[in-house]
Amino acid sequence: MAADGKVRVSPQTPEQIRAEIARTRAELALSVSELREEVARRADWREWVRQRPLACVGAAFFIGFLIGNSQRR
Protein backbone atom coordinates (compact mmCIF):
# COMPACT_ATOMS: atom_id res chain seq x y z
CA MET A 1 0.00 0.00 0.00
CA ALA A 2 1.33 3.41 -0.93
CA ALA A 3 1.59 6.39 1.39
CA ASP A 4 -1.60 7.89 -0.08
CA GLY A 5 -3.63 4.80 0.98
CA LYS A 6 -4.05 3.38 -2.51
CA VAL A 7 -3.03 -0.13 -3.44
CA ARG A 8 -0.41 -0.20 -6.15
CA VAL A 9 -0.69 -2.99 -8.71
CA SER A 10 2.43 -3.88 -10.59
CA PRO A 11 1.94 -4.17 -14.36
CA GLN A 12 1.50 -7.71 -15.60
CA THR A 13 2.95 -9.23 -18.70
CA PRO A 14 0.58 -10.59 -21.36
CA GLU A 15 1.63 -14.14 -20.38
CA GLN A 16 0.68 -13.50 -16.75
CA ILE A 17 -2.68 -12.10 -17.82
CA ARG A 18 -3.33 -15.12 -20.06
CA ALA A 19 -2.37 -17.48 -17.24
CA GLU A 20 -4.72 -15.67 -14.85
CA ILE A 21 -7.56 -15.84 -17.39
CA ALA A 22 -6.95 -19.57 -17.89
CA ARG A 23 -6.92 -20.11 -14.11
CA THR A 24 -10.15 -18.15 -13.74
CA ARG A 25 -11.79 -20.15 -16.56
CA ALA A 26 -10.81 -23.42 -14.90
CA GLU A 27 -12.21 -22.27 -11.55
CA LEU A 28 -15.42 -21.12 -13.23
CA ALA A 29 -15.83 -24.43 -15.09
CA LEU A 30 -15.37 -26.33 -11.83
CA SER A 31 -17.91 -24.11 -10.05
CA VAL A 32 -20.47 -24.56 -12.82
CA SER A 33 -19.94 -28.32 -12.79
CA GLU A 34 -20.43 -28.47 -9.01
CA LEU A 35 -23.53 -26.29 -9.27
CA ARG A 36 -25.05 -28.57 -11.94
CA GLU A 37 -24.45 -31.63 -9.77
CA GLU A 38 -26.01 -29.95 -6.74
CA VAL A 39 -29.09 -28.82 -8.70
CA ALA A 40 -29.51 -32.30 -10.19
CA ARG A 41 -29.21 -33.90 -6.75
CA ARG A 42 -31.70 -31.53 -5.13
CA ALA A 43 -34.22 -31.85 -7.95
CA ASP A 44 -34.11 -35.68 -7.99
CA TRP A 45 -37.46 -36.96 -6.69
CA ARG A 46 -35.82 -40.20 -5.49
CA GLU A 47 -33.56 -38.21 -3.18
CA TRP A 48 -36.61 -36.42 -1.74
CA VAL A 49 -38.33 -39.77 -1.07
CA ARG A 50 -35.15 -41.18 0.51
CA GLN A 51 -34.77 -38.22 2.84
CA ARG A 52 -38.45 -37.60 3.65
CA PRO A 53 -40.44 -40.79 3.03
CA LEU A 54 -43.39 -39.96 5.30
CA ALA A 55 -43.80 -36.45 3.96
CA CYS A 56 -43.78 -37.79 0.37
CA VAL A 57 -46.39 -40.45 1.16
CA GLY A 58 -48.52 -37.80 2.86
CA ALA A 59 -48.17 -35.44 -0.09
CA ALA A 60 -49.07 -38.24 -2.53
CA PHE A 61 -52.14 -39.11 -0.45
CA PHE A 62 -53.22 -35.47 -0.29
CA ILE A 63 -52.78 -34.93 -4.04
CA GLY A 64 -54.70 -38.14 -4.74
CA PHE A 65 -57.46 -36.96 -2.43
CA LEU A 66 -57.70 -33.60 -4.24
CA ILE A 67 -57.80 -35.25 -7.66
CA GLY A 68 -60.39 -37.77 -6.48
CA ASN A 69 -62.60 -35.06 -5.03
CA SER A 70 -62.39 -32.83 -8.09
CA GLN A 71 -63.63 -35.60 -10.40
CA ARG A 72 -66.75 -36.28 -8.29
CA ARG A 73 -68.20 -32.83 -8.96
PDB file of N, CA and C in Angstrom:
ATOM      1  N   MET A   1       0.848  -1.170   0.000  1.00  0.00           N
ATOM      2  CA  MET A   1       0.000   0.000   0.000  1.00  0.00           C
ATOM      3  C   MET A   1       0.892   1.230   0.000  1.00  0.00           C
ATOM      4  N   ALA A   2       0.539   2.185  -0.815  1.00  0.00           N
ATOM      5  CA  ALA A   2       1.331   3.407  -0.932  1.00  0.00           C
ATOM      6  C   ALA A   2       0.991   4.357   0.217  1.00  0.00           C
ATOM      7  N   ALA A   3       1.774   5.422   0.321  1.00  0.00           N
ATOM      8  CA  ALA A   3       1.586   6.395   1.393  1.00  0.00           C
ATOM      9  C   ALA A   3       0.232   7.098   1.284  1.00  0.00           C
ATOM     10  N   ASP A   4      -0.321   7.201   0.073  1.00  0.00           N
ATOM     11  CA  ASP A   4      -1.601   7.893  -0.080  1.00  0.00           C
ATOM     12  C   ASP A   4      -2.802   6.974   0.187  1.00  0.00           C
ATOM     13  N   GLY A   5      -2.552   5.723   0.615  1.00  0.00           N
ATOM     14  CA  GLY A   5      -3.626   4.802   0.975  1.00  0.00           C
ATOM     15  C   GLY A   5      -4.147   3.969  -0.183  1.00  0.00           C
ATOM     16  N   LYS A   6      -3.597   4.138  -1.350  1.00  0.00           N
ATOM     17  CA  LYS A   6      -4.051   3.378  -2.509  1.00  0.00           C
ATOM     18  C   LYS A   6      -3.158   2.153  -2.706  1.00  0.00           C
ATOM     19  N   VAL A   7      -3.788   1.081  -3.176  1.00  0.00           N
ATOM     20  CA  VAL A   7      -3.033  -0.134  -3.443  1.00  0.00           C
ATOM     21  C   VAL A   7      -2.402  -0.010  -4.819  1.00  0.00           C
ATOM     22  N   ARG A   8      -1.125  -0.256  -4.878  1.00  0.00           N
ATOM     23  CA  ARG A   8      -0.410  -0.199  -6.152  1.00  0.00           C
ATOM     24  C   ARG A   8      -0.365  -1.605  -6.747  1.00  0.00           C
ATOM     25  N   VAL A   9      -0.737  -1.717  -8.006  1.00  0.00           N
ATOM     26  CA  VAL A   9      -0.692  -2.991  -8.708  1.00  0.00           C
ATOM     27  C   VAL A   9       0.425  -2.915  -9.725  1.00  0.00           C
ATOM     28  N   SER A  10       1.326  -3.881  -9.637  1.00  0.00           N
ATOM     29  CA  SER A  10       2.430  -3.876 -10.593  1.00  0.00           C
ATOM     30  C   SER A  10       1.904  -4.341 -11.952  1.00  0.00           C
ATOM     31  N   PRO A  11       2.406  -3.775 -13.026  1.00  0.00           N
ATOM     32  CA  PRO A  11       1.942  -4.166 -14.355  1.00  0.00           C
ATOM     33  C   PRO A  11       2.256  -5.634 -14.628  1.00  0.00           C
ATOM     34  N   GLN A  12       1.323  -6.303 -15.294  1.00  0.00           N
ATOM     35  CA  GLN A  12       1.497  -7.715 -15.603  1.00  0.00           C
ATOM     36  C   GLN A  12       1.873  -7.880 -17.073  1.00  0.00           C
ATOM     37  N   THR A  13       2.604  -8.914 -17.315  1.00  0.00           N
ATOM     38  CA  THR A  13       2.951  -9.226 -18.697  1.00  0.00           C
ATOM     39  C   THR A  13       1.757  -9.912 -19.355  1.00  0.00           C
ATOM     40  N   PRO A  14       1.682  -9.901 -20.676  1.00  0.00           N
ATOM     41  CA  PRO A  14       0.584 -10.591 -21.355  1.00  0.00           C
ATOM     42  C   PRO A  14       0.500 -12.076 -20.989  1.00  0.00           C
ATOM     43  N   GLU A  15       1.630 -12.720 -20.756  1.00  0.00           N
ATOM     44  CA  GLU A  15       1.634 -14.136 -20.381  1.00  0.00           C
ATOM     45  C   GLU A  15       0.991 -14.332 -19.011  1.00  0.00           C
ATOM     46  N   GLN A  16       1.275 -13.407 -18.087  1.00  0.00           N
ATOM     47  CA  GLN A  16       0.677 -13.495 -16.749  1.00  0.00           C
ATOM     48  C   GLN A  16      -0.837 -13.287 -16.817  1.00  0.00           C
ATOM     49  N   ILE A  17      -1.246 -12.360 -17.658  1.00  0.00           N
ATOM     50  CA  ILE A  17      -2.678 -12.096 -17.819  1.00  0.00           C
ATOM     51  C   ILE A  17      -3.366 -13.317 -18.418  1.00  0.00           C
ATOM     52  N   ARG A  18      -2.753 -13.915 -19.450  1.00  0.00           N
ATOM     53  CA  ARG A  18      -3.329 -15.123 -20.064  1.00  0.00           C
ATOM     54  C   ARG A  18      -3.423 -16.262 -19.051  1.00  0.00           C
ATOM     55  N   ALA A  19      -2.379 -16.422 -18.250  1.00  0.00           N
ATOM     56  CA  ALA A  19      -2.371 -17.484 -17.238  1.00  0.00           C
ATOM     57  C   ALA A  19      -3.476 -17.249 -16.206  1.00  0.00           C
ATOM     58  N   GLU A  20      -3.669 -16.000 -15.811  1.00  0.00           N
ATOM     59  CA  GLU A  20      -4.717 -15.673 -14.849  1.00  0.00           C
ATOM     60  C   GLU A  20      -6.102 -15.926 -15.446  1.00  0.00           C
ATOM     61  N   ILE A  21      -6.287 -15.580 -16.716  1.00  0.00           N
ATOM     62  CA  ILE A  21      -7.565 -15.836 -17.394  1.00  0.00           C
ATOM     63  C   ILE A  21      -7.819 -17.342 -17.475  1.00  0.00           C
ATOM     64  N   ALA A  22      -6.806 -18.116 -17.813  1.00  0.00           N
ATOM     65  CA  ALA A  22      -6.950 -19.571 -17.887  1.00  0.00           C
ATOM     66  C   ALA A  22      -7.291 -20.155 -16.523  1.00  0.00           C
ATOM     67  N   ARG A  23      -6.646 -19.663 -15.476  1.00  0.00           N
ATOM     68  CA  ARG A  23      -6.921 -20.112 -14.112  1.00  0.00           C
ATOM     69  C   ARG A  23      -8.358 -19.777 -13.718  1.00  0.00           C
ATOM     70  N   THR A  24      -8.788 -18.571 -14.052  1.00  0.00           N
ATOM     71  CA  THR A  24     -10.152 -18.150 -13.739  1.00  0.00           C
ATOM     72  C   THR A  24     -11.172 -18.992 -14.501  1.00  0.00           C
ATOM     73  N   ARG A  25     -10.895 -19.288 -15.764  1.00  0.00           N
ATOM     74  CA  ARG A  25     -11.795 -20.153 -16.561  1.00  0.00           C
ATOM     75  C   ARG A  25     -11.917 -21.530 -15.941  1.00  0.00           C
ATOM     76  N   ALA A  26     -10.800 -22.092 -15.507  1.00  0.00           N
ATOM     77  CA  ALA A  26     -10.814 -23.424 -14.898  1.00  0.00           C
ATOM     78  C   ALA A  26     -11.630 -23.413 -13.606  1.00  0.00           C
ATOM     79  N   GLU A  27     -11.449 -22.389 -12.790  1.00  0.00           N
ATOM     80  CA  GLU A  27     -12.214 -22.270 -11.548  1.00  0.00           C
ATOM     81  C   GLU A  27     -13.701 -22.122 -11.842  1.00  0.00           C
ATOM     82  N   LEU A  28     -14.029 -21.330 -12.849  1.00  0.00           N
ATOM     83  CA  LEU A  28     -15.424 -21.121 -13.225  1.00  0.00           C
ATOM     84  C   LEU A  28     -16.047 -22.414 -13.746  1.00  0.00           C
ATOM     85  N   ALA A  29     -15.317 -23.155 -14.572  1.00  0.00           N
ATOM     86  CA  ALA A  29     -15.826 -24.426 -15.093  1.00  0.00           C
ATOM     87  C   ALA A  29     -16.085 -25.410 -13.955  1.00  0.00           C
ATOM     88  N   LEU A  30     -15.197 -25.450 -12.978  1.00  0.00           N
ATOM     89  CA  LEU A  30     -15.371 -26.327 -11.832  1.00  0.00           C
ATOM     90  C   LEU A  30     -16.595 -25.906 -11.016  1.00  0.00           C
ATOM     91  N   SER A  31     -16.758 -24.610 -10.804  1.00  0.00           N
ATOM     92  CA  SER A  31     -17.909 -24.114 -10.049  1.00  0.00           C
ATOM     93  C   SER A  31     -19.216 -24.433 -10.757  1.00  0.00           C
ATOM     94  N   VAL A  32     -19.260 -24.261 -12.060  1.00  0.00           N
ATOM     95  CA  VAL A  32     -20.472 -24.555 -12.825  1.00  0.00           C
ATOM     96  C   VAL A  32     -20.782 -26.049 -12.753  1.00  0.00           C
ATOM     97  N   SER A  33     -19.760 -26.871 -12.864  1.00  0.00           N
ATOM     98  CA  SER A  33     -19.945 -28.317 -12.786  1.00  0.00           C
ATOM     99  C   SER A  33     -20.502 -28.723 -11.421  1.00  0.00           C
ATOM    100  N   GLU A  34     -19.939 -28.173 -10.360  1.00  0.00           N
ATOM    101  CA  GLU A  34     -20.427 -28.466  -9.006  1.00  0.00           C
ATOM    102  C   GLU A  34     -21.858 -27.983  -8.825  1.00  0.00           C
ATOM    103  N   LEU A  35     -22.184 -26.825  -9.378  1.00  0.00           N
ATOM    104  CA  LEU A  35     -23.534 -26.294  -9.269  1.00  0.00           C
ATOM    105  C   LEU A  35     -24.534 -27.195  -9.997  1.00  0.00           C
ATOM    106  N   ARG A  36     -24.168 -27.660 -11.194  1.00  0.00           N
ATOM    107  CA  ARG A  36     -25.051 -28.573 -11.937  1.00  0.00           C
ATOM    108  C   ARG A  36     -25.322 -29.846 -11.144  1.00  0.00           C
ATOM    109  N   GLU A  37     -24.279 -30.411 -10.565  1.00  0.00           N
ATOM    110  CA  GLU A  37     -24.445 -31.631  -9.768  1.00  0.00           C
ATOM    111  C   GLU A  37     -25.357 -31.392  -8.571  1.00  0.00           C
ATOM    112  N   GLU A  38     -25.184 -30.270  -7.910  1.00  0.00           N
ATOM    113  CA  GLU A  38     -26.008 -29.953  -6.739  1.00  0.00           C
ATOM    114  C   GLU A  38     -27.466 -29.752  -7.134  1.00  0.00           C
ATOM    115  N   VAL A  39     -27.715 -29.045  -8.228  1.00  0.00           N
ATOM    116  CA  VAL A  39     -29.087 -28.824  -8.696  1.00  0.00           C
ATOM    117  C   VAL A  39     -29.720 -30.155  -9.084  1.00  0.00           C
ATOM    118  N   ALA A  40     -28.982 -30.998  -9.791  1.00  0.00           N
ATOM    119  CA  ALA A  40     -29.514 -32.303 -10.193  1.00  0.00           C
ATOM    120  C   ALA A  40     -29.837 -33.152  -8.966  1.00  0.00           C
ATOM    121  N   ARG A  41     -28.977 -33.111  -7.970  1.00  0.00           N
ATOM    122  CA  ARG A  41     -29.213 -33.899  -6.751  1.00  0.00           C
ATOM    123  C   ARG A  41     -30.439 -33.398  -6.002  1.00  0.00           C
ATOM    124  N   ARG A  42     -30.571 -32.090  -5.886  1.00  0.00           N
ATOM    125  CA  ARG A  42     -31.701 -31.534  -5.133  1.00  0.00           C
ATOM    126  C   ARG A  42     -33.029 -31.662  -5.866  1.00  0.00           C
ATOM    127  N   ALA A  43     -32.992 -31.732  -7.174  1.00  0.00           N
ATOM    128  CA  ALA A  43     -34.222 -31.851  -7.951  1.00  0.00           C
ATOM    129  C   ALA A  43     -34.630 -33.305  -8.180  1.00  0.00           C
ATOM    130  N   ASP A  44     -33.815 -34.255  -7.780  1.00  0.00           N
ATOM    131  CA  ASP A  44     -34.111 -35.676  -7.989  1.00  0.00           C
ATOM    132  C   ASP A  44     -35.196 -36.121  -7.015  1.00  0.00           C
ATOM    133  N   TRP A  45     -36.332 -36.574  -7.543  1.00  0.00           N
ATOM    134  CA  TRP A  45     -37.459 -36.960  -6.686  1.00  0.00           C
ATOM    135  C   TRP A  45     -37.102 -38.161  -5.814  1.00  0.00           C
ATOM    136  N   ARG A  46     -36.212 -39.039  -6.291  1.00  0.00           N
ATOM    137  CA  ARG A  46     -35.823 -40.203  -5.486  1.00  0.00           C
ATOM    138  C   ARG A  46     -35.073 -39.779  -4.224  1.00  0.00           C
ATOM    139  N   GLU A  47     -34.290 -38.720  -4.345  1.00  0.00           N
ATOM    140  CA  GLU A  47     -33.565 -38.207  -3.180  1.00  0.00           C
ATOM    141  C   GLU A  47     -34.552 -37.646  -2.154  1.00  0.00           C
ATOM    142  N   TRP A  48     -35.587 -36.954  -2.646  1.00  0.00           N
ATOM    143  CA  TRP A  48     -36.612 -36.423  -1.742  1.00  0.00           C
ATOM    144  C   TRP A  48     -37.293 -37.564  -0.986  1.00  0.00           C
ATOM    145  N   VAL A  49     -37.658 -38.637  -1.700  1.00  0.00           N
ATOM    146  CA  VAL A  49     -38.330 -39.773  -1.065  1.00  0.00           C
ATOM    147  C   VAL A  49     -37.397 -40.444  -0.066  1.00  0.00           C
ATOM    148  N   ARG A  50     -36.116 -40.569  -0.406  1.00  0.00           N
ATOM    149  CA  ARG A  50     -35.153 -41.182   0.511  1.00  0.00           C
ATOM    150  C   ARG A  50     -35.013 -40.372   1.797  1.00  0.00           C
ATOM    151  N   GLN A  51     -34.994 -39.062   1.663  1.00  0.00           N
ATOM    152  CA  GLN A  51     -34.767 -38.215   2.837  1.00  0.00           C
ATOM    153  C   GLN A  51     -36.038 -37.966   3.637  1.00  0.00           C
ATOM    154  N   ARG A  52     -37.187 -37.920   2.973  1.00  0.00           N
ATOM    155  CA  ARG A  52     -38.454 -37.597   3.650  1.00  0.00           C
ATOM    156  C   ARG A  52     -39.560 -38.551   3.202  1.00  0.00           C
ATOM    157  N   PRO A  53     -39.461 -39.826   3.545  1.00  0.00           N
ATOM    158  CA  PRO A  53     -40.444 -40.787   3.033  1.00  0.00           C
ATOM    159  C   PRO A  53     -41.875 -40.517   3.520  1.00  0.00           C
ATOM    160  N   LEU A  54     -42.032 -40.192   4.785  1.00  0.00           N
ATOM    161  CA  LEU A  54     -43.386 -39.961   5.305  1.00  0.00           C
ATOM    162  C   LEU A  54     -44.026 -38.716   4.704  1.00  0.00           C
ATOM    163  N   ALA A  55     -43.269 -37.682   4.551  1.00  0.00           N
ATOM    164  CA  ALA A  55     -43.803 -36.452   3.955  1.00  0.00           C
ATOM    165  C   ALA A  55     -44.220 -36.702   2.503  1.00  0.00           C
ATOM    166  N   CYS A  56     -43.447 -37.493   1.774  1.00  0.00           N
ATOM    167  CA  CYS A  56     -43.783 -37.786   0.372  1.00  0.00           C
ATOM    168  C   CYS A  56     -45.038 -38.643   0.272  1.00  0.00           C
ATOM    169  N   VAL A  57     -45.171 -39.623   1.158  1.00  0.00           N
ATOM    170  CA  VAL A  57     -46.386 -40.450   1.160  1.00  0.00           C
ATOM    171  C   VAL A  57     -47.586 -39.582   1.517  1.00  0.00           C
ATOM    172  N   GLY A  58     -47.431 -38.712   2.485  1.00  0.00           N
ATOM    173  CA  GLY A  58     -48.518 -37.804   2.860  1.00  0.00           C
ATOM    174  C   GLY A  58     -48.895 -36.873   1.722  1.00  0.00           C
ATOM    175  N   ALA A  59     -47.900 -36.339   1.036  1.00  0.00           N
ATOM    176  CA  ALA A  59     -48.175 -35.442  -0.088  1.00  0.00           C
ATOM    177  C   ALA A  59     -48.863 -36.199  -1.217  1.00  0.00           C
ATOM    178  N   ALA A  60     -48.433 -37.436  -1.484  1.00  0.00           N
ATOM    179  CA  ALA A  60     -49.071 -38.237  -2.533  1.00  0.00           C
ATOM    180  C   ALA A  60     -50.524 -38.538  -2.165  1.00  0.00           C
ATOM    181  N   PHE A  61     -50.768 -38.861  -0.911  1.00  0.00           N
ATOM    182  CA  PHE A  61     -52.138 -39.115  -0.447  1.00  0.00           C
ATOM    183  C   PHE A  61     -53.001 -37.866  -0.612  1.00  0.00           C
ATOM    184  N   PHE A  62     -52.473 -36.717  -0.211  1.00  0.00           N
ATOM    185  CA  PHE A  62     -53.217 -35.465  -0.294  1.00  0.00           C
ATOM    186  C   PHE A  62     -53.534 -35.105  -1.750  1.00  0.00           C
ATOM    187  N   ILE A  63     -52.567 -35.240  -2.622  1.00  0.00           N
ATOM    188  CA  ILE A  63     -52.785 -34.934  -4.040  1.00  0.00           C
ATOM    189  C   ILE A  63     -53.814 -35.894  -4.632  1.00  0.00           C
ATOM    190  N   GLY A  64     -53.702 -37.174  -4.280  1.00  0.00           N
ATOM    191  CA  GLY A  64     -54.698 -38.145  -4.744  1.00  0.00           C
ATOM    192  C   GLY A  64     -56.081 -37.810  -4.247  1.00  0.00           C
ATOM    193  N   PHE A  65     -56.175 -37.368  -3.005  1.00  0.00           N
ATOM    194  CA  PHE A  65     -57.457 -36.964  -2.429  1.00  0.00           C
ATOM    195  C   PHE A  65     -58.041 -35.782  -3.192  1.00  0.00           C
ATOM    196  N   LEU A  66     -57.215 -34.778  -3.482  1.00  0.00           N
ATOM    197  CA  LEU A  66     -57.698 -33.603  -4.237  1.00  0.00           C
ATOM    198  C   LEU A  66     -58.163 -33.991  -5.638  1.00  0.00           C
ATOM    199  N   ILE A  67     -57.410 -34.831  -6.320  1.00  0.00           N
ATOM    200  CA  ILE A  67     -57.798 -35.253  -7.657  1.00  0.00           C
ATOM    201  C   ILE A  67     -59.090 -36.072  -7.603  1.00  0.00           C
ATOM    202  N   GLY A  68     -59.176 -36.954  -6.629  1.00  0.00           N
ATOM    203  CA  GLY A  68     -60.393 -37.769  -6.484  1.00  0.00           C
ATOM    204  C   GLY A  68     -61.609 -36.938  -6.182  1.00  0.00           C
ATOM    205  N   ASN A  69     -61.456 -35.931  -5.364  1.00  0.00           N
ATOM    206  CA  ASN A  69     -62.596 -35.061  -5.025  1.00  0.00           C
ATOM    207  C   ASN A  69     -62.989 -34.158  -6.190  1.00  0.00           C
ATOM    208  N   SER A  70     -62.051 -33.741  -6.986  1.00  0.00           N
ATOM    209  CA  SER A  70     -62.390 -32.830  -8.091  1.00  0.00           C
ATOM    210  C   SER A  70     -63.129 -33.548  -9.203  1.00  0.00           C
ATOM    211  N   GLN A  71     -62.963 -34.849  -9.344  1.00  0.00           N
ATOM    212  CA  GLN A  71     -63.632 -35.597 -10.401  1.00  0.00           C
ATOM    213  C   GLN A  71     -65.051 -35.995 -10.008  1.00  0.00           C
ATOM    214  N   ARG A  72     -65.401 -35.934  -8.745  1.00  0.00           N
ATOM    215  CA  ARG A  72     -66.751 -36.278  -8.291  1.00  0.00           C
ATOM    216  C   ARG A  72     -67.752 -35.180  -8.620  1.00  0.00           C
ATOM    217  N   ARG A  73     -67.292 -33.972  -8.759  1.00  0.00           N
ATOM    218  CA  ARG A  73     -68.199 -32.833  -8.963  1.00  0.00           C
ATOM    219  C   ARG A  73     -68.719 -32.784 -10.337  1.00  0.00           C
TER     220      ARG A  73
END
